PDB file of all heavy atoms in Angstrom:
ATOM      1  N   GLY A   1       0.786  -1.225   0.000  1.00  0.00           N
ATOM      2  CA  GLY A   1      -0.012   0.017  -0.008  1.00  0.00           C
ATOM      3  C   GLY A   1       0.820   1.271  -0.002  1.00  0.00           C
ATOM      4  O   GLY A   1       0.244   2.353  -0.235  1.00  0.00           O
ATOM      5  N   ARG A   2       2.129   1.158   0.280  1.00  0.00           N
ATOM      6  CA  ARG A   2       3.017   2.330   0.304  1.00  0.00           C
ATOM      7  C   ARG A   2       4.051   2.326  -0.827  1.00  0.00           C
ATOM      8  O   ARG A   2       4.420   3.364  -1.347  1.00  0.00           O
ATOM      9  CB  ARG A   2       3.732   2.418   1.648  1.00  0.00           C
ATOM     10  CG  ARG A   2       2.785   2.592   2.816  1.00  0.00           C
ATOM     11  CD  ARG A   2       3.603   2.849   4.126  1.00  0.00           C
ATOM     12  NE  ARG A   2       4.468   1.766   4.474  1.00  0.00           N
ATOM     13  CZ  ARG A   2       5.816   1.842   4.577  1.00  0.00           C
ATOM     14  NH1 ARG A   2       6.434   3.045   4.391  1.00  0.00           N
ATOM     15  NH2 ARG A   2       6.502   0.805   4.932  1.00  0.00           N
ATOM     16  N   PHE A   3       4.546   1.088  -1.190  1.00  0.00           N
ATOM     17  CA  PHE A   3       5.569   0.945  -2.243  1.00  0.00           C
ATOM     18  C   PHE A   3       4.932   0.362  -3.519  1.00  0.00           C
ATOM     19  O   PHE A   3       3.998  -0.414  -3.455  1.00  0.00           O
ATOM     20  CB  PHE A   3       6.682   0.038  -1.770  1.00  0.00           C
ATOM     21  CG  PHE A   3       7.525   0.543  -0.624  1.00  0.00           C
ATOM     22  CD1 PHE A   3       7.228   1.701   0.038  1.00  0.00           C
ATOM     23  CD2 PHE A   3       8.673  -0.149  -0.280  1.00  0.00           C
ATOM     24  CE1 PHE A   3       8.027   2.169   1.065  1.00  0.00           C
ATOM     25  CE2 PHE A   3       9.487   0.290   0.763  1.00  0.00           C
ATOM     26  CZ  PHE A   3       9.170   1.454   1.457  1.00  0.00           C
ATOM     27  N   THR A   4       5.560   0.749  -4.641  1.00  0.00           N
ATOM     28  CA  THR A   4       5.114   0.218  -5.939  1.00  0.00           C
ATOM     29  C   THR A   4       6.338  -0.162  -6.763  1.00  0.00           C
ATOM     30  O   THR A   4       7.234   0.692  -6.955  1.00  0.00           O
ATOM     31  CB  THR A   4       4.296   1.222  -6.733  1.00  0.00           C
ATOM     32  OG1 THR A   4       3.146   1.610  -5.940  1.00  0.00           O
ATOM     33  CG2 THR A   4       3.815   0.585  -8.015  1.00  0.00           C
ATOM     34  N   ILE A   5       6.419  -1.397  -7.234  1.00  0.00           N
ATOM     35  CA  ILE A   5       7.506  -1.815  -8.130  1.00  0.00           C
ATOM     36  C   ILE A   5       6.990  -1.799  -9.554  1.00  0.00           C
ATOM     37  O   ILE A   5       5.849  -2.128  -9.842  1.00  0.00           O
ATOM     38  CB  ILE A   5       8.000  -3.265  -7.734  1.00  0.00           C
ATOM     39  CG1 ILE A   5       9.235  -3.624  -8.540  1.00  0.00           C
ATOM     40  CG2 ILE A   5       6.901  -4.312  -7.916  1.00  0.00           C
ATOM     41  CD1 ILE A   5       9.933  -4.885  -8.061  1.00  0.00           C
ATOM     42  N   SER A   6       7.856  -1.343 -10.477  1.00  0.00           N
ATOM     43  CA  SER A   6       7.486  -1.264 -11.878  1.00  0.00           C
ATOM     44  C   SER A   6       8.771  -1.368 -12.722  1.00  0.00           C
ATOM     45  O   SER A   6       9.887  -1.370 -12.177  1.00  0.00           O
ATOM     46  CB  SER A   6       6.775   0.055 -12.222  1.00  0.00           C
ATOM     47  OG  SER A   6       7.620   1.153 -11.954  1.00  0.00           O
ATOM     48  N   ARG A   7       8.620  -1.495 -14.027  1.00  0.00           N
ATOM     49  CA  ARG A   7       9.786  -1.589 -14.883  1.00  0.00           C
ATOM     50  C   ARG A   7       9.506  -0.944 -16.246  1.00  0.00           C
ATOM     51  O   ARG A   7       8.357  -0.767 -16.628  1.00  0.00           O
ATOM     52  CB  ARG A   7      10.197  -3.036 -15.126  1.00  0.00           C
ATOM     53  CG  ARG A   7       9.192  -3.871 -15.933  1.00  0.00           C
ATOM     54  CD  ARG A   7       9.560  -5.326 -15.970  1.00  0.00           C
ATOM     55  NE  ARG A   7       8.590  -6.101 -16.692  1.00  0.00           N
ATOM     56  CZ  ARG A   7       8.363  -7.384 -16.512  1.00  0.00           C
ATOM     57  NH1 ARG A   7       8.989  -8.057 -15.584  1.00  0.00           N
ATOM     58  NH2 ARG A   7       7.456  -7.971 -17.258  1.00  0.00           N
ATOM     59  N   ASP A   8      10.601  -0.543 -16.920  1.00  0.00           N
ATOM     60  CA  ASP A   8      10.558   0.033 -18.235  1.00  0.00           C
ATOM     61  C   ASP A   8      11.576  -0.766 -19.049  1.00  0.00           C
ATOM     62  O   ASP A   8      12.763  -0.545 -18.980  1.00  0.00           O
ATOM     63  CB  ASP A   8      10.887   1.520 -18.215  1.00  0.00           C
ATOM     64  CG  ASP A   8      10.759   2.184 -19.554  1.00  0.00           C
ATOM     65  OD1 ASP A   8      10.842   1.482 -20.577  1.00  0.00           O
ATOM     66  OD2 ASP A   8      10.524   3.399 -19.599  1.00  0.00           O
ATOM     67  N   ASN A   9      11.068  -1.721 -19.848  1.00  0.00           N
ATOM     68  CA  ASN A   9      11.957  -2.644 -20.591  1.00  0.00           C
ATOM     69  C   ASN A   9      12.802  -1.876 -21.605  1.00  0.00           C
ATOM     70  O   ASN A   9      14.003  -2.262 -21.807  1.00  0.00           O
ATOM     71  CB  ASN A   9      11.140  -3.694 -21.302  1.00  0.00           C
ATOM     72  CG  ASN A   9      10.512  -4.708 -20.348  1.00  0.00           C
ATOM     73  OD1 ASN A   9      10.642  -4.596 -19.143  1.00  0.00           O
ATOM     74  ND2 ASN A   9       9.839  -5.707 -20.907  1.00  0.00           N
ATOM     75  N   ALA A  10      12.262  -0.795 -22.223  1.00  0.00           N
ATOM     76  CA  ALA A  10      13.040  -0.059 -23.204  1.00  0.00           C
ATOM     77  C   ALA A  10      14.224   0.623 -22.562  1.00  0.00           C
ATOM     78  O   ALA A  10      15.266   0.857 -23.290  1.00  0.00           O
ATOM     79  CB  ALA A  10      12.129   0.958 -23.882  1.00  0.00           C
ATOM     80  N   LYS A  11      14.150   0.947 -21.285  1.00  0.00           N
ATOM     81  CA  LYS A  11      15.242   1.605 -20.608  1.00  0.00           C
ATOM     82  C   LYS A  11      16.066   0.662 -19.768  1.00  0.00           C
ATOM     83  O   LYS A  11      16.998   1.096 -19.026  1.00  0.00           O
ATOM     84  CB  LYS A  11      14.723   2.708 -19.717  1.00  0.00           C
ATOM     85  CG  LYS A  11      14.054   3.871 -20.512  1.00  0.00           C
ATOM     86  CD  LYS A  11      13.567   4.971 -19.552  1.00  0.00           C
ATOM     87  CE  LYS A  11      12.915   6.073 -20.336  1.00  0.00           C
ATOM     88  NZ  LYS A  11      12.450   7.186 -19.424  1.00  0.00           N
ATOM     89  N   ASN A  12      15.731  -0.646 -19.756  1.00  0.00           N
ATOM     90  CA  ASN A  12      16.422  -1.648 -18.961  1.00  0.00           C
ATOM     91  C   ASN A  12      16.445  -1.259 -17.448  1.00  0.00           C
ATOM     92  O   ASN A  12      17.463  -1.466 -16.765  1.00  0.00           O
ATOM     93  CB  ASN A  12      17.866  -1.871 -19.441  1.00  0.00           C
ATOM     94  CG  ASN A  12      17.908  -2.395 -20.868  1.00  0.00           C
ATOM     95  OD1 ASN A  12      17.040  -3.064 -21.324  1.00  0.00           O
ATOM     96  ND2 ASN A  12      18.961  -2.085 -21.579  1.00  0.00           N
ATOM     97  N   THR A  13      15.315  -0.739 -16.986  1.00  0.00           N
ATOM     98  CA  THR A  13      15.281  -0.129 -15.646  1.00  0.00           C
ATOM     99  C   THR A  13      14.082  -0.681 -14.877  1.00  0.00           C
ATOM    100  O   THR A  13      12.963  -0.707 -15.399  1.00  0.00           O
ATOM    101  CB  THR A  13      15.256   1.363 -15.691  1.00  0.00           C
ATOM    102  OG1 THR A  13      16.386   1.844 -16.409  1.00  0.00           O
ATOM    103  CG2 THR A  13      15.268   1.973 -14.266  1.00  0.00           C
ATOM    104  N   VAL A  14      14.322  -1.040 -13.592  1.00  0.00           N
ATOM    105  CA  VAL A  14      13.250  -1.366 -12.671  1.00  0.00           C
ATOM    106  C   VAL A  14      13.193  -0.333 -11.587  1.00  0.00           C
ATOM    107  O   VAL A  14      14.268   0.187 -11.173  1.00  0.00           O
ATOM    108  CB  VAL A  14      13.419  -2.790 -12.099  1.00  0.00           C
ATOM    109  CG1 VAL A  14      14.715  -2.914 -11.318  1.00  0.00           C
ATOM    110  CG2 VAL A  14      12.233  -3.162 -11.222  1.00  0.00           C
ATOM    111  N   TYR A  15      12.039   0.081 -11.138  1.00  0.00           N
ATOM    112  CA  TYR A  15      11.852   1.139 -10.154  1.00  0.00           C
ATOM    113  C   TYR A  15      11.179   0.630  -8.884  1.00  0.00           C
ATOM    114  O   TYR A  15      10.447  -0.352  -8.882  1.00  0.00           O
ATOM    115  CB  TYR A  15      10.993   2.253 -10.719  1.00  0.00           C
ATOM    116  CG  TYR A  15      11.501   2.848 -12.002  1.00  0.00           C
ATOM    117  CD1 TYR A  15      10.998   2.408 -13.243  1.00  0.00           C
ATOM    118  CD2 TYR A  15      12.442   3.836 -11.984  1.00  0.00           C
ATOM    119  CE1 TYR A  15      11.442   2.962 -14.436  1.00  0.00           C
ATOM    120  CE2 TYR A  15      12.903   4.411 -13.176  1.00  0.00           C
ATOM    121  CZ  TYR A  15      12.378   3.948 -14.380  1.00  0.00           C
ATOM    122  OH  TYR A  15      12.850   4.518 -15.552  1.00  0.00           O
ATOM    123  N   LEU A  16      11.437   1.351  -7.790  1.00  0.00           N
ATOM    124  CA  LEU A  16      10.697   1.138  -6.577  1.00  0.00           C
ATOM    125  C   LEU A  16      10.262   2.520  -6.069  1.00  0.00           C
ATOM    126  O   LEU A  16      11.110   3.298  -5.582  1.00  0.00           O
ATOM    127  CB  LEU A  16      11.532   0.436  -5.511  1.00  0.00           C
ATOM    128  CG  LEU A  16      10.775   0.088  -4.205  1.00  0.00           C
ATOM    129  CD1 LEU A  16       9.714  -1.007  -4.488  1.00  0.00           C
ATOM    130  CD2 LEU A  16      11.732  -0.432  -3.087  1.00  0.00           C
ATOM    131  N   GLN A  17       8.965   2.828  -6.233  1.00  0.00           N
ATOM    132  CA  GLN A  17       8.389   4.062  -5.718  1.00  0.00           C
ATOM    133  C   GLN A  17       8.042   3.885  -4.259  1.00  0.00           C
ATOM    134  O   GLN A  17       7.218   2.959  -3.942  1.00  0.00           O
ATOM    135  CB  GLN A  17       7.169   4.478  -6.529  1.00  0.00           C
ATOM    136  CG  GLN A  17       6.507   5.750  -6.050  1.00  0.00           C
ATOM    137  CD  GLN A  17       7.338   6.962  -6.247  1.00  0.00           C
ATOM    138  OE1 GLN A  17       7.920   7.181  -7.296  1.00  0.00           O
ATOM    139  NE2 GLN A  17       7.421   7.781  -5.187  1.00  0.00           N
ATOM    140  N   MET A  18       8.602   4.707  -3.392  1.00  0.00           N
ATOM    141  CA  MET A  18       8.417   4.556  -1.949  1.00  0.00           C
ATOM    142  C   MET A  18       7.702   5.811  -1.411  1.00  0.00           C
ATOM    143  O   MET A  18       8.287   6.896  -1.381  1.00  0.00           O
ATOM    144  CB  MET A  18       9.790   4.377  -1.290  1.00  0.00           C
ATOM    145  CG  MET A  18      10.635   3.311  -1.919  1.00  0.00           C
ATOM    146  SD  MET A  18      12.384   3.401  -1.400  1.00  0.00           S
ATOM    147  CE  MET A  18      12.269   2.921   0.336  1.00  0.00           C
ATOM    148  N   ASN A  19       6.488   5.619  -0.899  1.00  0.00           N
ATOM    149  CA  ASN A  19       5.694   6.721  -0.347  1.00  0.00           C
ATOM    150  C   ASN A  19       5.414   6.491   1.142  1.00  0.00           C
ATOM    151  O   ASN A  19       5.556   5.389   1.612  1.00  0.00           O
ATOM    152  CB  ASN A  19       4.372   6.846  -1.104  1.00  0.00           C
ATOM    153  CG  ASN A  19       4.530   7.163  -2.579  1.00  0.00           C
ATOM    154  OD1 ASN A  19       5.445   7.879  -2.962  1.00  0.00           O
ATOM    155  ND2 ASN A  19       3.608   6.662  -3.397  1.00  0.00           N
ATOM    156  N   SER A  20       5.060   7.564   1.787  1.00  0.00           N
ATOM    157  CA  SER A  20       4.707   7.478   3.249  1.00  0.00           C
ATOM    158  C   SER A  20       5.786   6.784   4.028  1.00  0.00           C
ATOM    159  O   SER A  20       5.537   5.861   4.826  1.00  0.00           O
ATOM    160  CB  SER A  20       3.339   6.810   3.432  1.00  0.00           C
ATOM    161  OG  SER A  20       2.323   7.456   2.764  1.00  0.00           O
ATOM    162  N   LEU A  21       7.019   7.184   3.809  1.00  0.00           N
ATOM    163  CA  LEU A  21       8.189   6.488   4.409  1.00  0.00           C
ATOM    164  C   LEU A  21       8.189   6.663   5.934  1.00  0.00           C
ATOM    165  O   LEU A  21       7.798   7.685   6.502  1.00  0.00           O
ATOM    166  CB  LEU A  21       9.490   7.048   3.797  1.00  0.00           C
ATOM    167  CG  LEU A  21       9.780   6.528   2.420  1.00  0.00           C
ATOM    168  CD1 LEU A  21      10.808   7.390   1.729  1.00  0.00           C
ATOM    169  CD2 LEU A  21      10.241   5.080   2.495  1.00  0.00           C
ATOM    170  N   LYS A  22       8.667   5.564   6.560  1.00  0.00           N
ATOM    171  CA  LYS A  22       8.732   5.482   8.043  1.00  0.00           C
ATOM    172  C   LYS A  22      10.206   5.258   8.447  1.00  0.00           C
ATOM    173  O   LYS A  22      10.981   4.738   7.651  1.00  0.00           O
ATOM    174  CB  LYS A  22       7.886   4.312   8.516  1.00  0.00           C
ATOM    175  CG  LYS A  22       6.453   4.351   8.084  1.00  0.00           C
ATOM    176  CD  LYS A  22       5.713   3.101   8.556  1.00  0.00           C
ATOM    177  CE  LYS A  22       4.288   3.110   8.106  1.00  0.00           C
ATOM    178  NZ  LYS A  22       3.576   1.856   8.545  1.00  0.00           N
ATOM    179  N   PRO A  23      10.594   5.604   9.692  1.00  0.00           N
ATOM    180  CA  PRO A  23      11.927   5.336  10.133  1.00  0.00           C
ATOM    181  C   PRO A  23      12.349   3.893  10.000  1.00  0.00           C
ATOM    182  O   PRO A  23      13.538   3.638   9.718  1.00  0.00           O
ATOM    183  CB  PRO A  23      11.916   5.794  11.587  1.00  0.00           C
ATOM    184  CG  PRO A  23      10.899   6.872  11.627  1.00  0.00           C
ATOM    185  CD  PRO A  23       9.812   6.396  10.687  1.00  0.00           C
ATOM    186  N   GLU A  24      11.461   2.935  10.173  1.00  0.00           N
ATOM    187  CA  GLU A  24      11.787   1.555  10.037  1.00  0.00           C
ATOM    188  C   GLU A  24      12.050   1.103   8.622  1.00  0.00           C
ATOM    189  O   GLU A  24      12.476  -0.053   8.371  1.00  0.00           O
ATOM    190  CB  GLU A  24      10.694   0.642  10.685  1.00  0.00           C
ATOM    191  CG  GLU A  24       9.247   0.984  10.168  1.00  0.00           C
ATOM    192  CD  GLU A  24       8.526   1.872  11.118  1.00  0.00           C
ATOM    193  OE1 GLU A  24       9.105   2.864  11.613  1.00  0.00           O
ATOM    194  OE2 GLU A  24       7.328   1.567  11.381  1.00  0.00           O
ATOM    195  N   ASP A  25      11.852   1.972   7.620  1.00  0.00           N
ATOM    196  CA  ASP A  25      12.223   1.704   6.243  1.00  0.00           C
ATOM    197  C   ASP A  25      13.714   1.952   6.020  1.00  0.00           C
ATOM    198  O   ASP A  25      14.223   1.658   4.935  1.00  0.00           O
ATOM    199  CB  ASP A  25      11.423   2.554   5.276  1.00  0.00           C
ATOM    200  CG  ASP A  25       9.951   2.210   5.288  1.00  0.00           C
ATOM    201  OD1 ASP A  25       9.584   0.989   5.371  1.00  0.00           O
ATOM    202  OD2 ASP A  25       9.102   3.131   5.241  1.00  0.00           O
ATOM    203  N   THR A  26      14.423   2.515   6.970  1.00  0.00           N
ATOM    204  CA  THR A  26      15.830   2.829   6.847  1.00  0.00           C
ATOM    205  C   THR A  26      16.607   1.512   6.606  1.00  0.00           C
ATOM    206  O   THR A  26      16.541   0.607   7.420  1.00  0.00           O
ATOM    207  CB  THR A  26      16.372   3.556   8.088  1.00  0.00           C
ATOM    208  OG1 THR A  26      15.734   4.849   8.165  1.00  0.00           O
ATOM    209  CG2 THR A  26      17.837   3.745   7.978  1.00  0.00           C
TER     210      THR A  26
END
């Protein structure tokens, strides 16, 4: 519910969008 994984094959890149970050995500 806070993080989203995605990819862009044309750019050979995978992403991790991290929202509502908490100290325990360190």
